[in-house]
Amino acid sequence: MAIGSTDKWQGKDAIKLAVFSLLLFAAMILGAIPCSITLTSYFYGDAVGAILGGVVWMYMRANIKKPWACLLSSVIVAAIAFFIGQIWTAVLGIVVGGVLSEIIVRVGRYTNPVANILAFVVWVLCFWTGHGILALISVDMFTQMMINAHMTAGQVELLLQGLSGINLVLAPLACVAGSLIGGGLGYMLFKKHFARAVPSAQQ
């Protein structure tokens, strides 16, 4: 049986995907709030958010095992990020993460839990890169965008200090760790959903 041919997209699937996408974005933001208290810990927010977001991701993957679900969900999340004023590189990072995660879950025939967790790790790393890359490629542009978002020059300077030195190594590693914890926790919670999916995917 061809990949993804066991289930065709229906209206209820689109609705579920939209709801899960909203929950995923909310989980990432809510999980990151503790790190937003100080500007120096800002870039670790995605790592913390990934713990909660991973649970949502795995529940979504267990319920919607269809082609393009990862990419479409990422487009929805990117649209939400755009409308609430996230910088354009963050929006782009989410979409790129969606493309890469879609490729990974397709290799895993959509139902493989390891592939789904790995896809989430890559997605979160792209999410994080999108937040920080503008500060690396154009400090002036990043500074101006943050000032336009009602930050002071002093706050932006502290933010840039947080994305330097050892944090450029530790923050992505923290994202990997947070993604693995969240994805693993999500798999343990919804293990039965994945187990039921394996036989049909291998027919």
N, C-alpha and C. Protein backbone atom coordinates (compact mmCIF):
# COMPACT_ATOMS: atom_id res chain seq x y z
N MET A 1 0.85 -1.19 0.00
CA MET A 1 0.00 0.00 0.00
C MET A 1 0.88 1.24 0.00
N ALA A 2 0.55 2.20 -0.80
CA ALA A 2 1.37 3.41 -0.93
C ALA A 2 1.35 4.23 0.35
N ILE A 3 2.44 4.95 0.54
CA ILE A 3 2.54 5.79 1.72
C ILE A 3 1.41 6.80 1.74
N GLY A 4 0.73 6.88 2.87
CA GLY A 4 -0.30 7.89 3.04
C GLY A 4 -1.61 7.57 2.36
N SER A 5 -1.72 6.39 1.68
CA SER A 5 -2.94 6.09 0.96
C SER A 5 -4.01 5.47 1.83
N THR A 6 -3.67 5.16 3.08
CA THR A 6 -4.63 4.52 3.96
C THR A 6 -5.73 5.49 4.37
N ASP A 7 -5.43 6.76 4.36
CA ASP A 7 -6.40 7.77 4.78
C ASP A 7 -6.32 8.98 3.86
N LYS A 8 -7.42 9.38 3.33
CA LYS A 8 -7.47 10.58 2.52
C LYS A 8 -7.86 11.76 3.42
N TRP A 9 -7.43 12.95 3.02
CA TRP A 9 -7.76 14.14 3.78
C TRP A 9 -9.27 14.39 3.74
N GLN A 10 -9.82 14.68 4.91
CA GLN A 10 -11.23 15.03 5.03
C GLN A 10 -11.34 16.36 5.77
N GLY A 11 -12.55 16.89 5.75
CA GLY A 11 -12.76 18.18 6.42
C GLY A 11 -12.39 18.15 7.89
N LYS A 12 -12.73 17.05 8.57
CA LYS A 12 -12.43 16.96 10.00
C LYS A 12 -10.92 16.91 10.25
N ASP A 13 -10.16 16.35 9.28
CA ASP A 13 -8.71 16.31 9.43
C ASP A 13 -8.13 17.72 9.37
N ALA A 14 -8.65 18.53 8.47
CA ALA A 14 -8.18 19.91 8.35
C ALA A 14 -8.47 20.70 9.62
N ILE A 15 -9.65 20.45 10.19
CA ILE A 15 -10.01 21.15 11.42
C ILE A 15 -9.10 20.72 12.57
N LYS A 16 -8.86 19.42 12.68
CA LYS A 16 -7.98 18.91 13.73
C LYS A 16 -6.57 19.46 13.56
N LEU A 17 -6.10 19.52 12.32
CA LEU A 17 -4.76 20.03 12.07
C LEU A 17 -4.64 21.49 12.50
N ALA A 18 -5.66 22.28 12.20
CA ALA A 18 -5.65 23.69 12.58
C ALA A 18 -5.62 23.84 14.10
N VAL A 19 -6.41 23.02 14.79
CA VAL A 19 -6.46 23.08 16.25
C VAL A 19 -5.12 22.66 16.85
N PHE A 20 -4.56 21.56 16.35
CA PHE A 20 -3.27 21.09 16.84
C PHE A 20 -2.18 22.12 16.58
N SER A 21 -2.24 22.77 15.44
CA SER A 21 -1.23 23.78 15.10
C SER A 21 -1.29 24.95 16.06
N LEU A 22 -2.50 25.38 16.38
CA LEU A 22 -2.67 26.46 17.33
C LEU A 22 -2.15 26.05 18.70
N LEU A 23 -2.46 24.81 19.11
CA LEU A 23 -1.98 24.30 20.40
C LEU A 23 -0.46 24.19 20.42
N LEU A 24 0.12 23.78 19.29
CA LEU A 24 1.58 23.66 19.21
C LEU A 24 2.25 25.02 19.40
N PHE A 25 1.73 26.02 18.72
CA PHE A 25 2.30 27.35 18.85
C PHE A 25 2.14 27.87 20.28
N ALA A 26 0.95 27.65 20.84
CA ALA A 26 0.68 28.09 22.21
C ALA A 26 1.60 27.39 23.20
N ALA A 27 1.82 26.09 22.98
CA ALA A 27 2.70 25.33 23.87
C ALA A 27 4.12 25.85 23.82
N MET A 28 4.61 26.16 22.62
CA MET A 28 5.96 26.68 22.48
C MET A 28 6.10 28.04 23.17
N ILE A 29 5.09 28.88 23.02
CA ILE A 29 5.13 30.21 23.63
C ILE A 29 5.00 30.12 25.15
N LEU A 30 4.04 29.33 25.63
CA LEU A 30 3.81 29.20 27.07
C LEU A 30 5.02 28.58 27.77
N GLY A 31 5.61 27.59 27.12
CA GLY A 31 6.78 26.96 27.70
C GLY A 31 7.97 27.88 27.77
N ALA A 32 8.02 28.84 26.84
CA ALA A 32 9.16 29.75 26.77
C ALA A 32 9.03 30.94 27.72
N ILE A 33 7.85 31.16 28.27
CA ILE A 33 7.63 32.33 29.13
C ILE A 33 8.62 32.43 30.29
N PRO A 34 8.94 31.32 31.00
CA PRO A 34 9.91 31.45 32.10
C PRO A 34 11.26 32.00 31.65
N CYS A 35 11.67 31.70 30.42
CA CYS A 35 12.96 32.18 29.92
C CYS A 35 12.88 33.62 29.44
N SER A 36 11.69 34.13 29.29
CA SER A 36 11.52 35.50 28.82
C SER A 36 11.61 36.52 29.95
N ILE A 37 11.77 36.02 31.17
CA ILE A 37 11.87 36.92 32.32
C ILE A 37 13.13 37.76 32.24
N THR A 38 14.22 37.16 31.77
CA THR A 38 15.47 37.90 31.60
C THR A 38 15.89 37.83 30.13
N LEU A 39 16.49 38.88 29.64
CA LEU A 39 16.90 38.93 28.24
C LEU A 39 18.05 37.97 27.95
N THR A 40 18.87 37.68 28.96
CA THR A 40 20.00 36.77 28.75
C THR A 40 19.54 35.33 28.54
N SER A 41 18.37 34.97 29.04
CA SER A 41 17.87 33.60 28.88
C SER A 41 16.85 33.48 27.76
N TYR A 42 16.61 34.57 27.05
CA TYR A 42 15.58 34.62 26.01
C TYR A 42 15.75 33.51 24.97
N PHE A 43 16.99 33.28 24.53
CA PHE A 43 17.23 32.34 23.45
C PHE A 43 17.20 30.88 23.90
N TYR A 44 16.92 30.65 25.19
CA TYR A 44 16.71 29.29 25.67
C TYR A 44 15.22 28.97 25.76
N GLY A 45 14.40 29.94 25.43
CA GLY A 45 12.95 29.77 25.54
C GLY A 45 12.40 28.66 24.66
N ASP A 46 12.94 28.54 23.44
CA ASP A 46 12.46 27.49 22.53
C ASP A 46 12.77 26.11 23.07
N ALA A 47 13.89 25.97 23.77
CA ALA A 47 14.25 24.68 24.35
C ALA A 47 13.26 24.26 25.43
N VAL A 48 12.87 25.21 26.25
CA VAL A 48 11.89 24.92 27.31
C VAL A 48 10.51 24.70 26.70
N GLY A 49 10.16 25.54 25.72
CA GLY A 49 8.87 25.38 25.06
C GLY A 49 8.74 24.05 24.36
N ALA A 50 9.88 23.50 23.89
CA ALA A 50 9.85 22.23 23.17
C ALA A 50 9.40 21.07 24.05
N ILE A 51 9.60 21.18 25.35
CA ILE A 51 9.17 20.11 26.25
C ILE A 51 7.66 19.97 26.21
N LEU A 52 6.98 21.09 26.31
CA LEU A 52 5.52 21.07 26.23
C LEU A 52 5.06 20.88 24.79
N GLY A 53 5.76 21.55 23.86
CA GLY A 53 5.38 21.44 22.45
C GLY A 53 5.54 20.03 21.91
N GLY A 54 6.52 19.28 22.42
CA GLY A 54 6.74 17.92 21.95
C GLY A 54 5.56 17.01 22.23
N VAL A 55 4.90 17.24 23.35
CA VAL A 55 3.72 16.44 23.69
C VAL A 55 2.61 16.70 22.68
N VAL A 56 2.41 17.97 22.35
CA VAL A 56 1.39 18.33 21.36
C VAL A 56 1.75 17.76 20.00
N TRP A 57 3.01 17.90 19.62
CA TRP A 57 3.48 17.41 18.32
C TRP A 57 3.21 15.91 18.16
N MET A 58 3.57 15.13 19.18
CA MET A 58 3.40 13.69 19.08
C MET A 58 1.93 13.29 19.09
N TYR A 59 1.11 14.04 19.81
CA TYR A 59 -0.33 13.76 19.78
C TYR A 59 -0.90 14.07 18.40
N MET A 60 -0.43 15.16 17.81
CA MET A 60 -0.85 15.52 16.46
C MET A 60 -0.41 14.44 15.46
N ARG A 61 0.84 13.98 15.57
CA ARG A 61 1.36 12.98 14.66
C ARG A 61 0.64 11.64 14.84
N ALA A 62 0.22 11.33 16.06
CA ALA A 62 -0.49 10.08 16.31
C ALA A 62 -1.91 10.12 15.75
N ASN A 63 -2.47 11.30 15.62
CA ASN A 63 -3.85 11.44 15.17
C ASN A 63 -3.98 11.77 13.69
N ILE A 64 -2.96 12.43 13.13
CA ILE A 64 -3.03 12.82 11.71
C ILE A 64 -1.81 12.26 11.00
N LYS A 65 -1.94 11.04 10.51
CA LYS A 65 -0.82 10.34 9.86
C LYS A 65 -0.99 10.43 8.35
N LYS A 66 -0.95 11.63 7.85
CA LYS A 66 -1.23 11.87 6.43
C LYS A 66 -0.11 12.69 5.80
N PRO A 67 0.06 12.54 4.48
CA PRO A 67 1.07 13.35 3.78
C PRO A 67 0.79 14.84 3.94
N TRP A 68 1.86 15.61 4.07
CA TRP A 68 1.85 17.07 4.13
C TRP A 68 1.35 17.63 5.45
N ALA A 69 1.02 16.79 6.41
CA ALA A 69 0.50 17.31 7.69
C ALA A 69 1.53 18.19 8.40
N CYS A 70 2.78 17.75 8.43
CA CYS A 70 3.83 18.53 9.10
C CYS A 70 4.02 19.89 8.42
N LEU A 71 4.07 19.86 7.10
CA LEU A 71 4.27 21.10 6.36
C LEU A 71 3.09 22.05 6.52
N LEU A 72 1.88 21.52 6.38
CA LEU A 72 0.69 22.36 6.51
C LEU A 72 0.58 22.94 7.92
N SER A 73 0.87 22.12 8.91
CA SER A 73 0.83 22.61 10.29
C SER A 73 1.83 23.73 10.50
N SER A 74 3.03 23.56 9.92
CA SER A 74 4.06 24.59 10.06
C SER A 74 3.66 25.89 9.37
N VAL A 75 2.99 25.78 8.25
CA VAL A 75 2.50 26.98 7.56
C VAL A 75 1.49 27.72 8.44
N ILE A 76 0.63 26.95 9.10
CA ILE A 76 -0.36 27.57 10.00
C ILE A 76 0.35 28.25 11.17
N VAL A 77 1.32 27.56 11.76
CA VAL A 77 2.08 28.15 12.88
C VAL A 77 2.82 29.40 12.41
N ALA A 78 3.40 29.34 11.22
CA ALA A 78 4.12 30.50 10.68
C ALA A 78 3.18 31.67 10.47
N ALA A 79 1.97 31.39 10.01
CA ALA A 79 0.99 32.45 9.80
C ALA A 79 0.62 33.11 11.12
N ILE A 80 0.45 32.30 12.15
CA ILE A 80 0.14 32.85 13.48
C ILE A 80 1.28 33.73 13.95
N ALA A 81 2.52 33.22 13.79
CA ALA A 81 3.70 33.99 14.21
C ALA A 81 3.78 35.32 13.47
N PHE A 82 3.46 35.29 12.18
CA PHE A 82 3.50 36.52 11.38
C PHE A 82 2.48 37.53 11.88
N PHE A 83 1.28 37.07 12.14
CA PHE A 83 0.21 37.99 12.53
C PHE A 83 0.39 38.56 13.93
N ILE A 84 1.16 37.88 14.78
CA ILE A 84 1.39 38.45 16.12
C ILE A 84 2.67 39.28 16.16
N GLY A 85 3.33 39.41 14.98
CA GLY A 85 4.46 40.33 14.90
C GLY A 85 5.84 39.73 15.05
N GLN A 86 5.98 38.40 14.88
CA GLN A 86 7.31 37.79 14.94
C GLN A 86 8.15 38.28 13.74
N ILE A 87 9.46 38.36 13.93
CA ILE A 87 10.32 38.82 12.86
C ILE A 87 10.28 37.82 11.69
N TRP A 88 10.56 38.32 10.48
CA TRP A 88 10.35 37.50 9.28
C TRP A 88 11.23 36.27 9.24
N THR A 89 12.43 36.34 9.84
CA THR A 89 13.30 35.16 9.84
C THR A 89 12.72 34.06 10.72
N ALA A 90 12.02 34.43 11.78
CA ALA A 90 11.37 33.43 12.63
C ALA A 90 10.26 32.71 11.85
N VAL A 91 9.50 33.48 11.09
CA VAL A 91 8.43 32.91 10.26
C VAL A 91 9.03 31.97 9.22
N LEU A 92 10.12 32.41 8.58
CA LEU A 92 10.78 31.58 7.57
C LEU A 92 11.34 30.31 8.18
N GLY A 93 11.89 30.43 9.38
CA GLY A 93 12.45 29.26 10.06
C GLY A 93 11.40 28.19 10.32
N ILE A 94 10.20 28.61 10.67
CA ILE A 94 9.12 27.66 10.92
C ILE A 94 8.75 26.91 9.64
N VAL A 95 8.68 27.65 8.54
CA VAL A 95 8.32 27.02 7.26
C VAL A 95 9.41 26.04 6.82
N VAL A 96 10.67 26.45 6.93
CA VAL A 96 11.78 25.56 6.58
C VAL A 96 11.74 24.31 7.45
N GLY A 97 11.47 24.50 8.73
CA GLY A 97 11.33 23.36 9.63
C GLY A 97 10.21 22.43 9.20
N GLY A 98 9.14 23.00 8.69
CA GLY A 98 8.03 22.20 8.20
C GLY A 98 8.41 21.36 7.00
N VAL A 99 9.18 21.93 6.09
CA VAL A 99 9.63 21.20 4.90
C VAL A 99 10.53 20.02 5.31
N LEU A 100 11.49 20.30 6.18
CA LEU A 100 12.43 19.25 6.60
C LEU A 100 11.74 18.16 7.42
N SER A 101 10.85 18.57 8.31
CA SER A 101 10.15 17.57 9.13
C SER A 101 9.23 16.71 8.27
N GLU A 102 8.64 17.29 7.23
CA GLU A 102 7.80 16.52 6.32
C GLU A 102 8.61 15.44 5.62
N ILE A 103 9.82 15.78 5.21
CA ILE A 103 10.69 14.81 4.56
C ILE A 103 11.03 13.67 5.51
N ILE A 104 11.34 14.02 6.76
CA ILE A 104 11.74 13.01 7.74
C ILE A 104 10.59 12.05 8.06
N VAL A 105 9.39 12.58 8.29
CA VAL A 105 8.27 11.68 8.64
C VAL A 105 7.86 10.84 7.44
N ARG A 106 8.09 11.35 6.23
CA ARG A 106 7.77 10.55 5.05
C ARG A 106 8.71 9.34 4.96
N VAL A 107 9.98 9.55 5.27
CA VAL A 107 10.93 8.44 5.30
C VAL A 107 10.48 7.40 6.33
N GLY A 108 9.93 7.88 7.44
CA GLY A 108 9.43 6.98 8.47
C GLY A 108 8.02 6.51 8.23
N ARG A 109 7.51 6.72 7.01
CA ARG A 109 6.16 6.29 6.61
C ARG A 109 5.09 6.87 7.54
N TYR A 110 5.37 8.03 8.10
CA TYR A 110 4.42 8.82 8.90
C TYR A 110 4.10 8.24 10.28
N THR A 111 4.33 6.96 10.49
CA THR A 111 3.92 6.34 11.74
C THR A 111 5.08 5.98 12.65
N ASN A 112 6.32 6.06 12.14
CA ASN A 112 7.48 5.67 12.93
C ASN A 112 7.74 6.71 14.03
N PRO A 113 7.68 6.30 15.30
CA PRO A 113 7.84 7.28 16.38
C PRO A 113 9.21 7.94 16.42
N VAL A 114 10.26 7.18 16.07
CA VAL A 114 11.60 7.75 16.06
C VAL A 114 11.70 8.85 15.02
N ALA A 115 11.15 8.59 13.84
CA ALA A 115 11.16 9.60 12.77
C ALA A 115 10.36 10.83 13.19
N ASN A 116 9.26 10.62 13.87
CA ASN A 116 8.43 11.75 14.31
C ASN A 116 9.13 12.59 15.37
N ILE A 117 9.85 11.92 16.27
CA ILE A 117 10.61 12.67 17.28
C ILE A 117 11.76 13.42 16.63
N LEU A 118 12.47 12.75 15.72
CA LEU A 118 13.57 13.41 15.01
C LEU A 118 13.06 14.61 14.22
N ALA A 119 11.90 14.45 13.59
CA ALA A 119 11.32 15.56 12.84
C ALA A 119 11.04 16.75 13.75
N PHE A 120 10.60 16.48 14.97
CA PHE A 120 10.34 17.57 15.92
C PHE A 120 11.63 18.25 16.35
N VAL A 121 12.68 17.47 16.56
CA VAL A 121 13.98 18.05 16.92
C VAL A 121 14.43 19.03 15.84
N VAL A 122 14.34 18.61 14.58
CA VAL A 122 14.74 19.47 13.46
C VAL A 122 13.84 20.69 13.39
N TRP A 123 12.55 20.49 13.60
CA TRP A 123 11.59 21.60 13.55
C TRP A 123 11.91 22.66 14.60
N VAL A 124 12.22 22.22 15.82
CA VAL A 124 12.54 23.16 16.89
C VAL A 124 13.85 23.89 16.62
N LEU A 125 14.84 23.18 16.08
CA LEU A 125 16.10 23.83 15.74
C LEU A 125 15.90 24.91 14.68
N CYS A 126 15.04 24.64 13.72
CA CYS A 126 14.72 25.66 12.71
C CYS A 126 13.95 26.81 13.34
N PHE A 127 13.07 26.50 14.26
CA PHE A 127 12.31 27.51 15.00
C PHE A 127 13.29 28.44 15.73
N TRP A 128 14.26 27.84 16.43
CA TRP A 128 15.25 28.61 17.18
C TRP A 128 16.14 29.42 16.25
N THR A 129 16.61 28.80 15.17
CA THR A 129 17.47 29.49 14.22
C THR A 129 16.78 30.71 13.62
N GLY A 130 15.50 30.55 13.32
CA GLY A 130 14.74 31.66 12.77
C GLY A 130 14.67 32.84 13.72
N HIS A 131 14.60 32.55 15.03
CA HIS A 131 14.56 33.63 16.01
C HIS A 131 15.90 34.38 16.10
N GLY A 132 16.99 33.64 15.97
CA GLY A 132 18.28 34.25 16.25
C GLY A 132 19.14 34.62 15.07
N ILE A 133 18.84 34.08 13.89
CA ILE A 133 19.77 34.25 12.77
C ILE A 133 19.88 35.69 12.29
N LEU A 134 18.80 36.45 12.40
CA LEU A 134 18.86 37.84 11.95
C LEU A 134 19.86 38.64 12.78
N ALA A 135 19.96 38.29 14.06
CA ALA A 135 20.92 38.98 14.93
C ALA A 135 22.35 38.66 14.52
N LEU A 136 22.55 37.53 13.86
CA LEU A 136 23.89 37.12 13.44
C LEU A 136 24.27 37.70 12.08
N ILE A 137 23.28 37.78 11.18
CA ILE A 137 23.60 38.23 9.83
C ILE A 137 23.48 39.74 9.65
N SER A 138 22.68 40.39 10.51
CA SER A 138 22.54 41.84 10.40
C SER A 138 22.11 42.41 11.76
N VAL A 139 23.11 42.82 12.53
CA VAL A 139 22.83 43.38 13.86
C VAL A 139 21.98 44.63 13.76
N ASP A 140 22.28 45.48 12.78
CA ASP A 140 21.53 46.73 12.63
C ASP A 140 20.06 46.47 12.33
N MET A 141 19.80 45.54 11.41
CA MET A 141 18.41 45.24 11.06
C MET A 141 17.66 44.63 12.25
N PHE A 142 18.35 43.72 12.96
CA PHE A 142 17.75 43.09 14.13
C PHE A 142 17.43 44.14 15.19
N THR A 143 18.39 45.03 15.42
CA THR A 143 18.20 46.08 16.43
C THR A 143 17.00 46.96 16.09
N GLN A 144 16.92 47.36 14.82
CA GLN A 144 15.83 48.24 14.41
C GLN A 144 14.48 47.54 14.54
N MET A 145 14.42 46.25 14.19
CA MET A 145 13.16 45.51 14.30
C MET A 145 12.73 45.38 15.76
N MET A 146 13.69 45.16 16.65
CA MET A 146 13.37 45.03 18.07
C MET A 146 12.93 46.38 18.65
N ILE A 147 13.56 47.44 18.19
CA ILE A 147 13.15 48.78 18.65
C ILE A 147 11.75 49.09 18.15
N ASN A 148 11.47 48.69 16.90
CA ASN A 148 10.12 48.88 16.36
C ASN A 148 9.09 48.07 17.14
N ALA A 149 9.57 46.98 17.79
CA ALA A 149 8.69 46.14 18.61
C ALA A 149 8.65 46.63 20.05
N HIS A 150 9.09 47.89 20.26
CA HIS A 150 8.99 48.58 21.55
C HIS A 150 10.05 48.15 22.57
N MET A 151 11.20 47.68 22.09
CA MET A 151 12.33 47.42 22.98
C MET A 151 13.23 48.67 22.99
N THR A 152 13.93 48.86 24.09
CA THR A 152 14.89 49.96 24.14
C THR A 152 16.22 49.48 23.57
N ALA A 153 17.07 50.41 23.22
CA ALA A 153 18.39 50.06 22.67
C ALA A 153 19.19 49.25 23.68
N GLY A 154 19.05 49.60 24.95
CA GLY A 154 19.74 48.85 26.01
C GLY A 154 19.26 47.42 26.11
N GLN A 155 17.97 47.21 25.98
CA GLN A 155 17.43 45.86 26.03
C GLN A 155 17.89 45.03 24.84
N VAL A 156 17.95 45.66 23.67
CA VAL A 156 18.43 44.95 22.49
C VAL A 156 19.89 44.56 22.65
N GLU A 157 20.67 45.43 23.25
CA GLU A 157 22.09 45.13 23.47
C GLU A 157 22.24 43.92 24.38
N LEU A 158 21.43 43.85 25.44
CA LEU A 158 21.47 42.69 26.33
C LEU A 158 21.02 41.43 25.59
N LEU A 159 20.04 41.59 24.73
CA LEU A 159 19.55 40.45 23.95
C LEU A 159 20.64 39.91 23.04
N LEU A 160 21.39 40.81 22.42
CA LEU A 160 22.49 40.41 21.54
C LEU A 160 23.61 39.75 22.33
N GLN A 161 23.84 40.22 23.55
CA GLN A 161 24.85 39.60 24.39
C GLN A 161 24.46 38.16 24.76
N GLY A 162 23.15 37.93 24.87
CA GLY A 162 22.66 36.59 25.18
C GLY A 162 22.85 35.62 24.03
N LEU A 163 22.98 36.15 22.81
CA LEU A 163 23.18 35.31 21.63
C LEU A 163 24.62 35.44 21.17
N SER A 164 25.54 35.07 22.03
CA SER A 164 26.96 35.17 21.71
C SER A 164 27.74 34.15 22.54
N GLY A 165 28.96 33.94 22.14
CA GLY A 165 29.84 33.06 22.90
C GLY A 165 29.30 31.66 23.08
N ILE A 166 29.36 31.19 24.30
CA ILE A 166 28.98 29.81 24.62
C ILE A 166 27.50 29.54 24.37
N ASN A 167 26.69 30.60 24.43
CA ASN A 167 25.24 30.40 24.22
C ASN A 167 24.92 29.96 22.79
N LEU A 168 25.79 30.29 21.84
CA LEU A 168 25.57 29.85 20.47
C LEU A 168 25.70 28.34 20.33
N VAL A 169 26.37 27.72 21.29
CA VAL A 169 26.50 26.26 21.32
C VAL A 169 25.47 25.65 22.26
N LEU A 170 25.35 26.24 23.45
CA LEU A 170 24.48 25.65 24.46
C LEU A 170 23.00 25.76 24.12
N ALA A 171 22.59 26.89 23.55
CA ALA A 171 21.16 27.07 23.26
C ALA A 171 20.64 26.05 22.24
N PRO A 172 21.33 25.81 21.11
CA PRO A 172 20.85 24.77 20.19
C PRO A 172 20.86 23.38 20.83
N LEU A 173 21.91 23.09 21.63
CA LEU A 173 21.95 21.80 22.32
C LEU A 173 20.79 21.66 23.29
N ALA A 174 20.43 22.77 23.93
CA ALA A 174 19.28 22.75 24.83
C ALA A 174 18.00 22.49 24.05
N CYS A 175 17.93 23.03 22.83
CA CYS A 175 16.76 22.79 21.98
C CYS A 175 16.63 21.31 21.64
N VAL A 176 17.75 20.68 21.34
CA VAL A 176 17.75 19.24 21.04
C VAL A 176 17.28 18.45 22.26
N ALA A 177 17.84 18.81 23.43
CA ALA A 177 17.46 18.11 24.66
C ALA A 177 15.99 18.30 24.97
N GLY A 178 15.51 19.54 24.88
CA GLY A 178 14.10 19.81 25.17
C GLY A 178 13.18 19.10 24.21
N SER A 179 13.58 19.04 22.93
CA SER A 179 12.76 18.36 21.92
C SER A 179 12.69 16.87 22.18
N LEU A 180 13.82 16.27 22.55
CA LEU A 180 13.84 14.85 22.83
C LEU A 180 13.01 14.51 24.06
N ILE A 181 13.08 15.38 25.07
CA ILE A 181 12.28 15.16 26.28
C ILE A 181 10.80 15.27 25.95
N GLY A 182 10.44 16.35 25.26
CA GLY A 182 9.03 16.56 24.91
C GLY A 182 8.50 15.49 23.98
N GLY A 183 9.29 15.15 22.94
CA GLY A 183 8.87 14.12 22.01
C GLY A 183 8.78 12.76 22.67
N GLY A 184 9.76 12.44 23.51
CA GLY A 184 9.73 11.16 24.22
C GLY A 184 8.56 11.06 25.17
N LEU A 185 8.28 12.15 25.87
CA LEU A 185 7.14 12.17 26.78
C LEU A 185 5.84 12.01 26.01
N GLY A 186 5.75 12.71 24.87
CA GLY A 186 4.55 12.58 24.04
C GLY A 186 4.36 11.17 23.53
N TYR A 187 5.47 10.52 23.14
CA TYR A 187 5.36 9.15 22.66
C TYR A 187 4.89 8.21 23.76
N MET A 188 5.42 8.38 24.97
CA MET A 188 5.01 7.52 26.08
C MET A 188 3.52 7.71 26.40
N LEU A 189 3.05 8.93 26.29
CA LEU A 189 1.64 9.21 26.58
C LEU A 189 0.72 8.64 25.52
N PHE A 190 1.17 8.65 24.26
CA PHE A 190 0.31 8.25 23.14
C PHE A 190 0.86 7.04 22.39
N LYS A 191 1.59 6.20 23.11
CA LYS A 191 2.23 5.03 22.52
C LYS A 191 1.24 4.11 21.83
N LYS A 192 0.06 3.94 22.42
CA LYS A 192 -0.94 3.04 21.85
C LYS A 192 -1.41 3.53 20.49
N HIS A 193 -1.48 4.85 20.31
CA HIS A 193 -1.91 5.40 19.02
C HIS A 193 -0.93 5.03 17.92
N PHE A 194 0.37 5.11 18.23
CA PHE A 194 1.38 4.75 17.24
C PHE A 194 1.39 3.25 16.98
N ALA A 195 1.20 2.46 18.04
CA ALA A 195 1.21 1.01 17.89
C ALA A 195 0.08 0.55 16.99
N ARG A 196 -1.09 1.19 17.08
CA ARG A 196 -2.23 0.81 16.24
C ARG A 196 -1.97 1.19 14.79
N ALA A 197 -1.13 2.18 14.56
CA ALA A 197 -0.91 2.68 13.21
C ALA A 197 0.08 1.82 12.43
N VAL A 198 0.98 1.12 13.11
CA VAL A 198 2.04 0.39 12.43
C VAL A 198 1.54 -0.69 11.48
N PRO A 199 0.61 -1.56 11.88
CA PRO A 199 0.19 -2.60 10.96
C PRO A 199 -0.38 -2.09 9.66
N SER A 200 -1.24 -1.05 9.72
CA SER A 200 -1.84 -0.53 8.51
C SER A 200 -0.82 0.13 7.60
N ALA A 201 0.26 0.69 8.20
CA ALA A 201 1.27 1.38 7.40
C ALA A 201 2.16 0.39 6.68
N GLN A 202 2.21 -0.85 7.17
CA GLN A 202 3.11 -1.81 6.58
C GLN A 202 2.42 -2.76 5.60
N GLN A 203 1.13 -2.59 5.41
CA GLN A 203 0.40 -3.46 4.53
C GLN A 203 0.80 -3.24 3.08
